[in-house]
Amino acid sequence: MSNTEQLEYALPRDIETRSFQIIEEELGSHGLDPQTAQVVKRVIHATADFDFAKSLHFSNHAVQDGVAALKDGASVVADTTMVAAGINKRVLASFGGSVHVFVSDADVAQEARERGTTRSAISMERASRLKGPLVFAIGNAPTALLALHRLIGDRAMPTPVLVVGVPVGFVNVVESKELIMGDDMEHIVSRGRKGGSTVAAAIVNALLYLASDDRSW
């Protein structure tokens, strides 16, 4: 019998259940409240990176406010199509919310070229015109966080319900996250260089999971 044949084929739900058991075992005693722990575990599940148990920073009411807002129909603004693709839109729509992403719009690209800035920054300006409560999910672009910091500081947009600030990389990444953590708004931020689209989507999905009575997804 080959090594492949010896491996057990499990159903997706069983794999997920076992994965979370392994995460629980390896994470050990963490001291997190149950809702915050759920977010951390889902990020670890999505990345297989236990560093996020220490690097994720939660403002005082980030999880509670995010869950309540999504349950009440808040929409999500994503900085990239990859973040948007990873969010469970069916569950979000069941609450009345939707995902907005502007970075690939032709007019956004044109305006960015004309103004000598990034599409991500222009995307945040477009998002500032949206009505209703918003959760921002920033997984790739530190310039999106910088633009949010400026827009909120200039009172050019209402303070978001929650900012998920987890861009990944080397240039302006750490600095942009520190700015968001210094602002007077609810946030979930990954300190340091790590983050990414997968992390941003996992955090939003964890909040949706906490908001939902449906545990089948």
N, C-alpha and C. Protein backbone atom coordinates (compact mmCIF):
# COMPACT_ATOMS: atom_id res chain seq x y z
N MET A 1 0.85 -1.19 0.00
CA MET A 1 0.00 0.00 0.00
C MET A 1 0.89 1.25 0.00
N SER A 2 0.60 2.20 -0.88
CA SER A 2 1.40 3.41 -0.97
C SER A 2 1.09 4.34 0.20
N ASN A 3 2.00 5.33 0.41
CA ASN A 3 1.77 6.31 1.47
C ASN A 3 0.49 7.09 1.24
N THR A 4 0.20 7.36 -0.03
CA THR A 4 -1.02 8.10 -0.37
C THR A 4 -2.25 7.29 0.01
N GLU A 5 -2.21 5.99 -0.27
CA GLU A 5 -3.35 5.15 0.03
C GLU A 5 -3.58 5.00 1.53
N GLN A 6 -2.51 5.17 2.31
CA GLN A 6 -2.64 5.05 3.75
C GLN A 6 -3.29 6.27 4.38
N LEU A 7 -3.26 7.41 3.66
CA LEU A 7 -3.85 8.63 4.20
C LEU A 7 -5.36 8.51 4.21
N GLU A 8 -5.97 9.07 5.23
CA GLU A 8 -7.41 9.01 5.36
C GLU A 8 -8.05 10.18 4.61
N TYR A 9 -9.04 9.86 3.78
CA TYR A 9 -9.80 10.90 3.10
C TYR A 9 -10.95 11.32 4.00
N ALA A 10 -10.96 12.59 4.39
CA ALA A 10 -11.99 13.08 5.29
C ALA A 10 -12.88 14.09 4.58
N LEU A 11 -14.09 14.22 5.04
CA LEU A 11 -15.00 15.22 4.52
C LEU A 11 -14.54 16.61 4.95
N PRO A 12 -14.83 17.66 4.14
CA PRO A 12 -14.37 19.01 4.48
C PRO A 12 -14.74 19.45 5.88
N ARG A 13 -15.98 19.12 6.31
CA ARG A 13 -16.41 19.54 7.64
C ARG A 13 -15.58 18.85 8.73
N ASP A 14 -15.26 17.58 8.50
CA ASP A 14 -14.44 16.86 9.46
C ASP A 14 -13.03 17.42 9.52
N ILE A 15 -12.50 17.81 8.37
CA ILE A 15 -11.16 18.40 8.32
C ILE A 15 -11.13 19.71 9.11
N GLU A 16 -12.16 20.53 8.92
CA GLU A 16 -12.23 21.80 9.64
C GLU A 16 -12.32 21.57 11.15
N THR A 17 -13.17 20.62 11.54
CA THR A 17 -13.32 20.33 12.97
C THR A 17 -12.00 19.88 13.58
N ARG A 18 -11.32 18.99 12.91
CA ARG A 18 -10.03 18.50 13.40
C ARG A 18 -8.99 19.62 13.41
N SER A 19 -9.04 20.48 12.40
CA SER A 19 -8.09 21.59 12.33
C SER A 19 -8.24 22.50 13.55
N PHE A 20 -9.48 22.80 13.91
CA PHE A 20 -9.69 23.67 15.07
C PHE A 20 -9.31 22.97 16.37
N GLN A 21 -9.45 21.66 16.41
CA GLN A 21 -8.98 20.91 17.58
C GLN A 21 -7.47 21.03 17.73
N ILE A 22 -6.77 20.93 16.60
CA ILE A 22 -5.31 21.06 16.62
C ILE A 22 -4.91 22.47 17.05
N ILE A 23 -5.62 23.47 16.52
CA ILE A 23 -5.33 24.86 16.89
C ILE A 23 -5.52 25.06 18.38
N GLU A 24 -6.62 24.53 18.93
CA GLU A 24 -6.88 24.63 20.37
C GLU A 24 -5.74 24.00 21.16
N GLU A 25 -5.31 22.82 20.74
CA GLU A 25 -4.26 22.10 21.46
C GLU A 25 -2.93 22.85 21.43
N GLU A 26 -2.58 23.38 20.27
CA GLU A 26 -1.28 24.05 20.12
C GLU A 26 -1.30 25.47 20.68
N LEU A 27 -2.46 26.10 20.65
CA LEU A 27 -2.56 27.46 21.16
C LEU A 27 -2.47 27.47 22.68
N GLY A 28 -3.05 26.46 23.31
CA GLY A 28 -2.98 26.35 24.76
C GLY A 28 -3.73 27.47 25.46
N SER A 29 -3.31 27.80 26.66
CA SER A 29 -3.95 28.85 27.46
C SER A 29 -3.61 30.21 26.86
N HIS A 30 -4.63 30.97 26.51
CA HIS A 30 -4.39 32.24 25.82
C HIS A 30 -4.97 33.45 26.55
N GLY A 31 -5.94 33.27 27.42
CA GLY A 31 -6.48 34.38 28.18
C GLY A 31 -7.39 35.31 27.41
N LEU A 32 -7.76 34.93 26.18
CA LEU A 32 -8.63 35.77 25.36
C LEU A 32 -10.09 35.49 25.70
N ASP A 33 -10.93 36.51 25.57
CA ASP A 33 -12.36 36.26 25.73
C ASP A 33 -12.84 35.40 24.57
N PRO A 34 -13.97 34.70 24.71
CA PRO A 34 -14.39 33.72 23.69
C PRO A 34 -14.55 34.30 22.29
N GLN A 35 -15.10 35.51 22.16
CA GLN A 35 -15.30 36.08 20.82
C GLN A 35 -13.97 36.46 20.17
N THR A 36 -13.11 37.10 20.92
CA THR A 36 -11.79 37.46 20.39
C THR A 36 -11.01 36.21 20.02
N ALA A 37 -11.10 35.19 20.85
CA ALA A 37 -10.41 33.92 20.57
C ALA A 37 -10.92 33.32 19.26
N GLN A 38 -12.21 33.44 18.99
CA GLN A 38 -12.77 32.91 17.75
C GLN A 38 -12.15 33.57 16.53
N VAL A 39 -11.94 34.89 16.62
CA VAL A 39 -11.31 35.62 15.51
C VAL A 39 -9.87 35.15 15.33
N VAL A 40 -9.13 35.08 16.41
CA VAL A 40 -7.72 34.67 16.34
C VAL A 40 -7.60 33.26 15.76
N LYS A 41 -8.43 32.36 16.22
CA LYS A 41 -8.36 30.97 15.75
C LYS A 41 -8.68 30.87 14.26
N ARG A 42 -9.61 31.68 13.78
CA ARG A 42 -9.95 31.62 12.35
C ARG A 42 -8.83 32.19 11.50
N VAL A 43 -8.12 33.17 12.01
CA VAL A 43 -6.95 33.67 11.28
C VAL A 43 -5.86 32.60 11.25
N ILE A 44 -5.63 31.95 12.37
CA ILE A 44 -4.63 30.87 12.40
C ILE A 44 -5.06 29.74 11.46
N HIS A 45 -6.34 29.42 11.45
CA HIS A 45 -6.85 28.37 10.57
C HIS A 45 -6.60 28.71 9.11
N ALA A 46 -6.74 30.00 8.77
CA ALA A 46 -6.57 30.42 7.38
C ALA A 46 -5.12 30.52 6.96
N THR A 47 -4.22 30.69 7.93
CA THR A 47 -2.81 30.95 7.61
C THR A 47 -1.84 29.90 8.13
N ALA A 48 -2.28 29.07 9.08
CA ALA A 48 -1.40 28.11 9.77
C ALA A 48 -0.24 28.83 10.46
N ASP A 49 -0.47 30.08 10.88
CA ASP A 49 0.58 30.89 11.49
C ASP A 49 0.14 31.31 12.89
N PHE A 50 0.75 30.70 13.89
CA PHE A 50 0.38 30.99 15.28
C PHE A 50 0.92 32.33 15.77
N ASP A 51 1.78 32.98 15.00
CA ASP A 51 2.26 34.31 15.38
C ASP A 51 1.12 35.30 15.53
N PHE A 52 0.02 35.07 14.80
CA PHE A 52 -1.10 36.01 14.86
C PHE A 52 -1.78 36.00 16.23
N ALA A 53 -1.57 34.96 17.00
CA ALA A 53 -2.13 34.94 18.35
C ALA A 53 -1.53 36.04 19.21
N LYS A 54 -0.31 36.47 18.87
CA LYS A 54 0.35 37.53 19.62
C LYS A 54 0.30 38.88 18.89
N SER A 55 0.30 38.85 17.56
CA SER A 55 0.42 40.11 16.82
C SER A 55 -0.91 40.81 16.56
N LEU A 56 -2.02 40.09 16.63
CA LEU A 56 -3.31 40.75 16.40
C LEU A 56 -3.65 41.64 17.58
N HIS A 57 -3.93 42.90 17.29
CA HIS A 57 -4.27 43.87 18.34
C HIS A 57 -5.74 44.28 18.17
N PHE A 58 -6.49 44.16 19.24
CA PHE A 58 -7.92 44.47 19.23
C PHE A 58 -8.18 45.69 20.11
N SER A 59 -8.85 46.70 19.58
CA SER A 59 -9.29 47.79 20.43
C SER A 59 -10.40 47.28 21.35
N ASN A 60 -10.78 48.08 22.31
CA ASN A 60 -11.63 47.60 23.41
C ASN A 60 -12.94 46.95 22.98
N HIS A 61 -13.60 47.53 21.98
CA HIS A 61 -14.91 47.02 21.58
C HIS A 61 -14.94 46.57 20.12
N ALA A 62 -13.78 46.25 19.57
CA ALA A 62 -13.68 45.95 18.14
C ALA A 62 -14.57 44.79 17.73
N VAL A 63 -14.45 43.68 18.43
CA VAL A 63 -15.20 42.49 18.04
C VAL A 63 -16.69 42.69 18.28
N GLN A 64 -17.05 43.19 19.45
CA GLN A 64 -18.47 43.37 19.77
C GLN A 64 -19.13 44.35 18.81
N ASP A 65 -18.47 45.49 18.54
CA ASP A 65 -19.05 46.48 17.64
C ASP A 65 -19.12 45.97 16.21
N GLY A 66 -18.08 45.24 15.79
CA GLY A 66 -18.08 44.68 14.44
C GLY A 66 -19.19 43.68 14.23
N VAL A 67 -19.36 42.78 15.19
CA VAL A 67 -20.42 41.78 15.11
C VAL A 67 -21.79 42.45 15.09
N ALA A 68 -22.01 43.40 16.00
CA ALA A 68 -23.31 44.08 16.08
C ALA A 68 -23.62 44.83 14.79
N ALA A 69 -22.61 45.51 14.23
CA ALA A 69 -22.84 46.28 13.01
C ALA A 69 -23.16 45.38 11.82
N LEU A 70 -22.42 44.29 11.67
CA LEU A 70 -22.69 43.36 10.57
C LEU A 70 -24.08 42.75 10.71
N LYS A 71 -24.45 42.44 11.94
CA LYS A 71 -25.77 41.86 12.19
C LYS A 71 -26.87 42.85 11.84
N ASP A 72 -26.55 44.14 11.96
CA ASP A 72 -27.54 45.19 11.66
C ASP A 72 -27.49 45.67 10.22
N GLY A 73 -26.67 45.00 9.38
CA GLY A 73 -26.67 45.32 7.96
C GLY A 73 -25.54 46.18 7.46
N ALA A 74 -24.48 46.35 8.24
CA ALA A 74 -23.32 47.12 7.77
C ALA A 74 -22.71 46.46 6.54
N SER A 75 -22.15 47.28 5.67
CA SER A 75 -21.44 46.76 4.50
C SER A 75 -19.94 46.77 4.75
N VAL A 76 -19.22 46.06 3.90
CA VAL A 76 -17.76 45.93 4.03
C VAL A 76 -17.09 46.59 2.84
N VAL A 77 -16.07 47.38 3.10
CA VAL A 77 -15.24 47.96 2.04
C VAL A 77 -13.91 47.22 2.05
N ALA A 78 -13.55 46.61 0.94
CA ALA A 78 -12.30 45.87 0.81
C ALA A 78 -11.31 46.67 -0.03
N ASP A 79 -10.03 46.53 0.27
CA ASP A 79 -9.04 47.27 -0.52
C ASP A 79 -8.66 46.54 -1.80
N THR A 80 -8.91 45.24 -1.88
CA THR A 80 -8.57 44.49 -3.09
C THR A 80 -9.68 43.50 -3.42
N THR A 81 -9.69 43.07 -4.67
CA THR A 81 -10.67 42.06 -5.08
C THR A 81 -10.39 40.73 -4.39
N MET A 82 -9.14 40.48 -4.01
CA MET A 82 -8.81 39.24 -3.30
C MET A 82 -9.46 39.20 -1.93
N VAL A 83 -9.44 40.33 -1.21
CA VAL A 83 -10.12 40.39 0.08
C VAL A 83 -11.61 40.19 -0.13
N ALA A 84 -12.16 40.89 -1.09
CA ALA A 84 -13.60 40.79 -1.36
C ALA A 84 -14.01 39.37 -1.71
N ALA A 85 -13.17 38.69 -2.50
CA ALA A 85 -13.49 37.32 -2.93
C ALA A 85 -13.55 36.36 -1.76
N GLY A 86 -12.77 36.63 -0.72
CA GLY A 86 -12.70 35.70 0.41
C GLY A 86 -13.80 35.87 1.44
N ILE A 87 -14.58 36.94 1.34
CA ILE A 87 -15.62 37.22 2.32
C ILE A 87 -16.89 36.45 1.97
N ASN A 88 -17.54 35.88 2.97
CA ASN A 88 -18.77 35.11 2.74
C ASN A 88 -19.93 36.08 2.46
N LYS A 89 -20.14 36.33 1.19
CA LYS A 89 -21.14 37.32 0.79
C LYS A 89 -22.56 36.84 1.04
N ARG A 90 -22.78 35.53 1.03
CA ARG A 90 -24.12 35.01 1.29
C ARG A 90 -24.57 35.36 2.69
N VAL A 91 -23.69 35.13 3.66
CA VAL A 91 -24.04 35.44 5.04
C VAL A 91 -24.15 36.95 5.23
N LEU A 92 -23.22 37.70 4.63
CA LEU A 92 -23.28 39.16 4.73
C LEU A 92 -24.60 39.68 4.16
N ALA A 93 -24.99 39.16 3.00
CA ALA A 93 -26.24 39.59 2.37
C ALA A 93 -27.46 39.21 3.19
N SER A 94 -27.38 38.13 3.95
CA SER A 94 -28.52 37.71 4.77
C SER A 94 -28.83 38.74 5.85
N PHE A 95 -27.83 39.55 6.20
CA PHE A 95 -28.04 40.63 7.17
C PHE A 95 -28.38 41.95 6.48
N GLY A 96 -28.28 41.98 5.15
CA GLY A 96 -28.56 43.21 4.41
C GLY A 96 -27.34 43.98 3.98
N GLY A 97 -26.14 43.41 4.20
CA GLY A 97 -24.91 44.09 3.82
C GLY A 97 -24.36 43.60 2.50
N SER A 98 -23.36 44.31 1.99
CA SER A 98 -22.70 43.93 0.75
C SER A 98 -21.23 44.32 0.81
N VAL A 99 -20.47 43.86 -0.17
CA VAL A 99 -19.03 44.18 -0.23
C VAL A 99 -18.79 45.20 -1.33
N HIS A 100 -18.03 46.23 -1.00
CA HIS A 100 -17.65 47.25 -1.98
C HIS A 100 -16.14 47.20 -2.19
N VAL A 101 -15.72 47.23 -3.44
CA VAL A 101 -14.29 47.31 -3.76
C VAL A 101 -14.16 48.14 -5.03
N PHE A 102 -13.35 49.19 -4.96
CA PHE A 102 -13.27 50.16 -6.06
C PHE A 102 -11.94 50.14 -6.79
N VAL A 103 -10.98 49.37 -6.30
CA VAL A 103 -9.61 49.49 -6.78
C VAL A 103 -9.45 49.15 -8.26
N SER A 104 -10.32 48.31 -8.80
CA SER A 104 -10.19 47.91 -10.21
C SER A 104 -11.03 48.76 -11.16
N ASP A 105 -11.74 49.74 -10.61
CA ASP A 105 -12.57 50.59 -11.46
C ASP A 105 -11.68 51.45 -12.36
N ALA A 106 -12.07 51.57 -13.63
CA ALA A 106 -11.26 52.32 -14.59
C ALA A 106 -11.10 53.78 -14.20
N ASP A 107 -12.17 54.39 -13.70
CA ASP A 107 -12.08 55.80 -13.34
C ASP A 107 -11.21 56.03 -12.11
N VAL A 108 -11.14 55.04 -11.24
CA VAL A 108 -10.25 55.12 -10.08
C VAL A 108 -8.80 55.09 -10.56
N ALA A 109 -8.48 54.21 -11.48
CA ALA A 109 -7.12 54.12 -12.02
C ALA A 109 -6.74 55.42 -12.72
N GLN A 110 -7.67 55.98 -13.48
CA GLN A 110 -7.38 57.22 -14.20
C GLN A 110 -7.12 58.38 -13.23
N GLU A 111 -7.96 58.49 -12.21
CA GLU A 111 -7.78 59.57 -11.24
C GLU A 111 -6.47 59.41 -10.48
N ALA A 112 -6.10 58.19 -10.16
CA ALA A 112 -4.84 57.94 -9.46
C ALA A 112 -3.65 58.39 -10.31
N ARG A 113 -3.71 58.10 -11.61
CA ARG A 113 -2.63 58.53 -12.51
C ARG A 113 -2.56 60.05 -12.58
N GLU A 114 -3.71 60.68 -12.71
CA GLU A 114 -3.76 62.13 -12.85
C GLU A 114 -3.25 62.84 -11.60
N ARG A 115 -3.52 62.26 -10.43
CA ARG A 115 -3.15 62.90 -9.17
C ARG A 115 -1.82 62.40 -8.62
N GLY A 116 -1.23 61.42 -9.29
CA GLY A 116 0.06 60.90 -8.86
C GLY A 116 -0.01 60.19 -7.52
N THR A 117 -1.08 59.43 -7.32
CA THR A 117 -1.23 58.68 -6.07
C THR A 117 -1.62 57.25 -6.40
N THR A 118 -2.03 56.49 -5.42
CA THR A 118 -2.35 55.09 -5.64
C THR A 118 -3.85 54.88 -5.81
N ARG A 119 -4.19 53.81 -6.50
CA ARG A 119 -5.60 53.45 -6.64
C ARG A 119 -6.23 53.15 -5.29
N SER A 120 -5.44 52.59 -4.39
CA SER A 120 -5.97 52.26 -3.07
C SER A 120 -6.40 53.52 -2.32
N ALA A 121 -5.61 54.59 -2.42
CA ALA A 121 -5.97 55.84 -1.76
C ALA A 121 -7.24 56.43 -2.36
N ILE A 122 -7.33 56.42 -3.68
CA ILE A 122 -8.54 56.94 -4.34
C ILE A 122 -9.74 56.08 -3.97
N SER A 123 -9.53 54.78 -3.85
CA SER A 123 -10.62 53.87 -3.47
C SER A 123 -11.22 54.24 -2.12
N MET A 124 -10.36 54.63 -1.18
CA MET A 124 -10.86 55.02 0.13
C MET A 124 -11.67 56.31 0.04
N GLU A 125 -11.26 57.21 -0.85
CA GLU A 125 -12.03 58.44 -1.05
C GLU A 125 -13.41 58.11 -1.62
N ARG A 126 -13.46 57.17 -2.54
CA ARG A 126 -14.76 56.74 -3.08
C ARG A 126 -15.61 56.11 -1.97
N ALA A 127 -14.98 55.32 -1.15
CA ALA A 127 -15.71 54.66 -0.07
C ALA A 127 -16.28 55.67 0.92
N SER A 128 -15.60 56.81 1.08
CA SER A 128 -16.06 57.82 2.03
C SER A 128 -17.42 58.39 1.65
N ARG A 129 -17.84 58.17 0.42
CA ARG A 129 -19.13 58.69 -0.05
C ARG A 129 -20.28 57.72 0.18
N LEU A 130 -19.95 56.50 0.60
CA LEU A 130 -20.99 55.50 0.84
C LEU A 130 -21.82 55.87 2.05
N LYS A 131 -23.07 55.51 2.01
CA LYS A 131 -23.97 55.77 3.13
C LYS A 131 -24.06 54.53 4.02
N GLY A 132 -24.40 54.76 5.27
CA GLY A 132 -24.61 53.65 6.18
C GLY A 132 -23.34 53.22 6.90
N PRO A 133 -23.47 52.36 7.90
CA PRO A 133 -22.31 51.90 8.67
C PRO A 133 -21.39 51.03 7.81
N LEU A 134 -20.09 51.19 8.02
CA LEU A 134 -19.10 50.49 7.20
C LEU A 134 -18.04 49.82 8.05
N VAL A 135 -17.64 48.63 7.61
CA VAL A 135 -16.47 47.94 8.14
C VAL A 135 -15.44 47.92 7.02
N PHE A 136 -14.24 48.41 7.29
CA PHE A 136 -13.17 48.42 6.28
C PHE A 136 -12.27 47.21 6.51
N ALA A 137 -11.98 46.49 5.43
CA ALA A 137 -11.11 45.32 5.48
C ALA A 137 -9.91 45.56 4.56
N ILE A 138 -8.80 45.95 5.15
CA ILE A 138 -7.60 46.32 4.40
C ILE A 138 -6.55 45.23 4.58
N GLY A 139 -6.29 44.49 3.52
CA GLY A 139 -5.38 43.35 3.61
C GLY A 139 -4.09 43.50 2.82
N ASN A 140 -4.02 44.49 1.94
CA ASN A 140 -2.84 44.58 1.07
C ASN A 140 -2.18 45.96 1.04
N ALA A 141 -2.98 47.01 1.11
CA ALA A 141 -2.46 48.33 0.77
C ALA A 141 -2.31 49.24 1.98
N PRO A 142 -1.07 49.48 2.43
CA PRO A 142 -0.89 50.44 3.52
C PRO A 142 -1.35 51.84 3.13
N THR A 143 -1.29 52.17 1.82
CA THR A 143 -1.77 53.49 1.41
C THR A 143 -3.27 53.65 1.64
N ALA A 144 -4.00 52.54 1.66
CA ALA A 144 -5.42 52.61 2.00
C ALA A 144 -5.59 53.01 3.46
N LEU A 145 -4.78 52.44 4.35
CA LEU A 145 -4.84 52.83 5.76
C LEU A 145 -4.42 54.28 5.95
N LEU A 146 -3.39 54.72 5.22
CA LEU A 146 -2.95 56.10 5.32
C LEU A 146 -4.05 57.05 4.86
N ALA A 147 -4.74 56.68 3.79
CA ALA A 147 -5.84 57.51 3.28
C ALA A 147 -6.99 57.55 4.28
N LEU A 148 -7.32 56.42 4.89
CA LEU A 148 -8.37 56.40 5.91
C LEU A 148 -8.00 57.30 7.08
N HIS A 149 -6.76 57.19 7.53
CA HIS A 149 -6.29 58.03 8.64
C HIS A 149 -6.48 59.52 8.31
N ARG A 150 -6.13 59.90 7.09
CA ARG A 150 -6.25 61.30 6.67
C ARG A 150 -7.71 61.72 6.56
N LEU A 151 -8.53 60.90 5.92
CA LEU A 151 -9.94 61.25 5.71
C LEU A 151 -10.69 61.39 7.03
N ILE A 152 -10.41 60.48 7.94
CA ILE A 152 -11.09 60.53 9.24
C ILE A 152 -10.59 61.71 10.05
N GLY A 153 -9.28 61.94 10.01
CA GLY A 153 -8.71 63.07 10.73
C GLY A 153 -9.21 64.40 10.22
N ASP A 154 -9.44 64.49 8.90
CA ASP A 154 -9.95 65.72 8.28
C ASP A 154 -11.47 65.82 8.36
N ARG A 155 -12.07 64.81 8.96
CA ARG A 155 -13.54 64.73 9.06
C ARG A 155 -14.21 64.75 7.69
N ALA A 156 -13.51 64.15 6.73
CA ALA A 156 -14.05 64.04 5.37
C ALA A 156 -14.92 62.81 5.22
N MET A 157 -15.01 62.02 6.27
CA MET A 157 -15.87 60.85 6.27
C MET A 157 -16.23 60.52 7.71
N PRO A 158 -17.36 59.86 7.92
CA PRO A 158 -17.70 59.43 9.28
C PRO A 158 -16.73 58.35 9.74
N THR A 159 -16.55 58.26 11.05
CA THR A 159 -15.70 57.22 11.60
C THR A 159 -16.31 55.86 11.31
N PRO A 160 -15.55 54.94 10.70
CA PRO A 160 -16.09 53.60 10.42
C PRO A 160 -16.45 52.86 11.71
N VAL A 161 -17.34 51.90 11.59
CA VAL A 161 -17.66 51.05 12.72
C VAL A 161 -16.41 50.30 13.18
N LEU A 162 -15.64 49.83 12.20
CA LEU A 162 -14.45 49.03 12.48
C LEU A 162 -13.50 49.10 11.31
N VAL A 163 -12.21 49.18 11.60
CA VAL A 163 -11.18 49.06 10.57
C VAL A 163 -10.36 47.81 10.85
N VAL A 164 -10.37 46.89 9.91
CA VAL A 164 -9.49 45.72 9.94
C VAL A 164 -8.26 46.09 9.14
N GLY A 165 -7.17 46.37 9.83
CA GLY A 165 -5.96 46.84 9.16
C GLY A 165 -4.85 45.82 9.22
N VAL A 166 -4.74 45.01 8.17
CA VAL A 166 -3.76 43.91 8.17
C VAL A 166 -2.98 43.82 6.86
N PRO A 167 -2.53 44.98 6.32
CA PRO A 167 -1.73 44.87 5.10
C PRO A 167 -0.42 44.14 5.36
N VAL A 168 0.12 43.55 4.32
CA VAL A 168 1.35 42.78 4.42
C VAL A 168 2.43 43.47 3.59
N GLY A 169 3.67 43.40 4.04
CA GLY A 169 4.74 43.96 3.23
C GLY A 169 5.79 44.68 4.05
N PHE A 170 6.54 45.57 3.39
CA PHE A 170 7.72 46.17 3.97
C PHE A 170 7.70 47.70 3.98
N VAL A 171 7.02 48.31 3.00
CA VAL A 171 7.06 49.77 2.87
C VAL A 171 5.80 50.39 3.46
N ASN A 172 5.96 51.18 4.49
CA ASN A 172 4.86 51.91 5.16
C ASN A 172 3.84 50.99 5.82
N VAL A 173 4.12 49.71 5.90
CA VAL A 173 3.15 48.76 6.47
C VAL A 173 3.03 48.95 7.98
N VAL A 174 4.16 48.86 8.66
CA VAL A 174 4.16 49.00 10.12
C VAL A 174 3.66 50.37 10.52
N GLU A 175 4.15 51.41 9.83
CA GLU A 175 3.80 52.78 10.16
C GLU A 175 2.30 53.05 9.99
N SER A 176 1.72 52.54 8.91
CA SER A 176 0.29 52.78 8.67
C SER A 176 -0.56 52.09 9.73
N LYS A 177 -0.14 50.91 10.17
CA LYS A 177 -0.87 50.20 11.21
C LYS A 177 -0.79 50.96 12.54
N GLU A 178 0.37 51.50 12.85
CA GLU A 178 0.53 52.25 14.09
C GLU A 178 -0.37 53.49 14.09
N LEU A 179 -0.50 54.14 12.95
CA LEU A 179 -1.38 55.30 12.86
C LEU A 179 -2.83 54.91 13.17
N ILE A 180 -3.28 53.80 12.59
CA ILE A 180 -4.66 53.36 12.83
C ILE A 180 -4.86 53.00 14.30
N MET A 181 -3.88 52.35 14.90
CA MET A 181 -4.00 52.01 16.32
C MET A 181 -4.01 53.25 17.21
N GLY A 182 -3.44 54.35 16.70
CA GLY A 182 -3.44 55.59 17.47
C GLY A 182 -4.68 56.43 17.28
N ASP A 183 -5.50 56.09 16.28
CA ASP A 183 -6.73 56.83 16.02
C ASP A 183 -7.82 56.39 17.00
N ASP A 184 -8.77 57.28 17.21
CA ASP A 184 -9.87 57.00 18.13
C ASP A 184 -10.99 56.28 17.39
N MET A 185 -10.76 55.02 17.04
CA MET A 185 -11.78 54.21 16.39
C MET A 185 -11.50 52.75 16.66
N GLU A 186 -12.54 51.95 16.54
CA GLU A 186 -12.38 50.51 16.78
C GLU A 186 -11.57 49.89 15.64
N HIS A 187 -10.66 49.00 16.02
CA HIS A 187 -9.79 48.41 15.00
C HIS A 187 -9.33 47.02 15.41
N ILE A 188 -9.01 46.24 14.40
CA ILE A 188 -8.28 44.98 14.57
C ILE A 188 -7.08 45.08 13.63
N VAL A 189 -5.90 45.08 14.20
CA VAL A 189 -4.68 45.34 13.43
C VAL A 189 -3.67 44.23 13.71
N SER A 190 -2.96 43.81 12.67
CA SER A 190 -1.86 42.87 12.86
C SER A 190 -0.56 43.66 12.95
N ARG A 191 0.00 43.69 14.14
CA ARG A 191 1.25 44.43 14.32
C ARG A 191 2.36 43.79 13.49
N GLY A 192 3.26 44.63 12.99
CA GLY A 192 4.39 44.12 12.23
C GLY A 192 4.10 44.03 10.75
N ARG A 193 4.90 43.23 10.06
CA ARG A 193 4.84 43.15 8.60
C ARG A 193 3.81 42.15 8.09
N LYS A 194 3.40 41.23 8.95
CA LYS A 194 2.53 40.15 8.47
C LYS A 194 1.09 40.61 8.32
N GLY A 195 0.38 39.92 7.44
CA GLY A 195 -1.04 40.20 7.19
C GLY A 195 -1.42 39.61 5.85
N GLY A 196 -2.25 40.32 5.10
CA GLY A 196 -2.61 39.87 3.77
C GLY A 196 -4.10 39.72 3.58
N SER A 197 -4.48 39.48 2.33
CA SER A 197 -5.89 39.34 1.95
C SER A 197 -6.57 38.22 2.71
N THR A 198 -5.86 37.10 2.86
CA THR A 198 -6.43 35.95 3.55
C THR A 198 -6.77 36.30 5.00
N VAL A 199 -5.89 37.06 5.64
CA VAL A 199 -6.10 37.45 7.03
C VAL A 199 -7.30 38.39 7.15
N ALA A 200 -7.37 39.38 6.26
CA ALA A 200 -8.48 40.33 6.30
C ALA A 200 -9.81 39.62 6.12
N ALA A 201 -9.89 38.74 5.13
CA ALA A 201 -11.13 38.00 4.88
C ALA A 201 -11.48 37.08 6.04
N ALA A 202 -10.46 36.44 6.63
CA ALA A 202 -10.71 35.54 7.76
C ALA A 202 -11.28 36.29 8.95
N ILE A 203 -10.81 37.51 9.19
CA ILE A 203 -11.32 38.30 10.31
C ILE A 203 -12.78 38.67 10.08
N VAL A 204 -13.09 39.14 8.87
CA VAL A 204 -14.48 39.50 8.57
C VAL A 204 -15.38 38.28 8.67
N ASN A 205 -14.92 37.16 8.14
CA ASN A 205 -15.72 35.93 8.21
C ASN A 205 -15.92 35.46 9.64
N ALA A 206 -14.91 35.64 10.49
CA ALA A 206 -15.06 35.29 11.90
C ALA A 206 -16.14 36.14 12.55
N LEU A 207 -16.17 37.42 12.23
CA LEU A 207 -17.21 38.31 12.77
C LEU A 207 -18.59 37.91 12.25
N LEU A 208 -18.66 37.55 10.97
CA LEU A 208 -19.93 37.09 10.40
C LEU A 208 -20.38 35.79 11.06
N TYR A 209 -19.43 34.92 11.32
CA TYR A 209 -19.75 33.66 11.98
C TYR A 209 -20.33 33.91 13.37
N LEU A 210 -19.72 34.84 14.09
CA LEU A 210 -20.20 35.18 15.42
C LEU A 210 -21.58 35.83 15.37
N ALA A 211 -21.85 36.55 14.28
CA ALA A 211 -23.14 37.21 14.13
C ALA A 211 -24.24 36.27 13.69
N SER A 212 -23.88 35.15 13.11
CA SER A 212 -24.85 34.26 12.48
C SER A 212 -25.27 33.12 13.40
N ASP A 213 -26.51 32.75 13.27
CA ASP A 213 -27.02 31.56 13.97
C ASP A 213 -26.77 30.30 13.16
N ASP A 214 -26.37 30.47 11.91
CA ASP A 214 -26.11 29.36 11.00
C ASP A 214 -24.68 28.88 11.18
N ARG A 215 -24.48 27.68 11.68
CA ARG A 215 -23.14 27.14 11.90
C ARG A 215 -22.75 26.11 10.83
N SER A 216 -23.49 26.11 9.70
CA SER A 216 -23.23 25.11 8.68
C SER A 216 -22.19 25.55 7.67
N TRP A 217 -21.67 26.76 7.79
CA TRP A 217 -20.71 27.24 6.81
C TRP A 217 -19.34 27.37 7.43
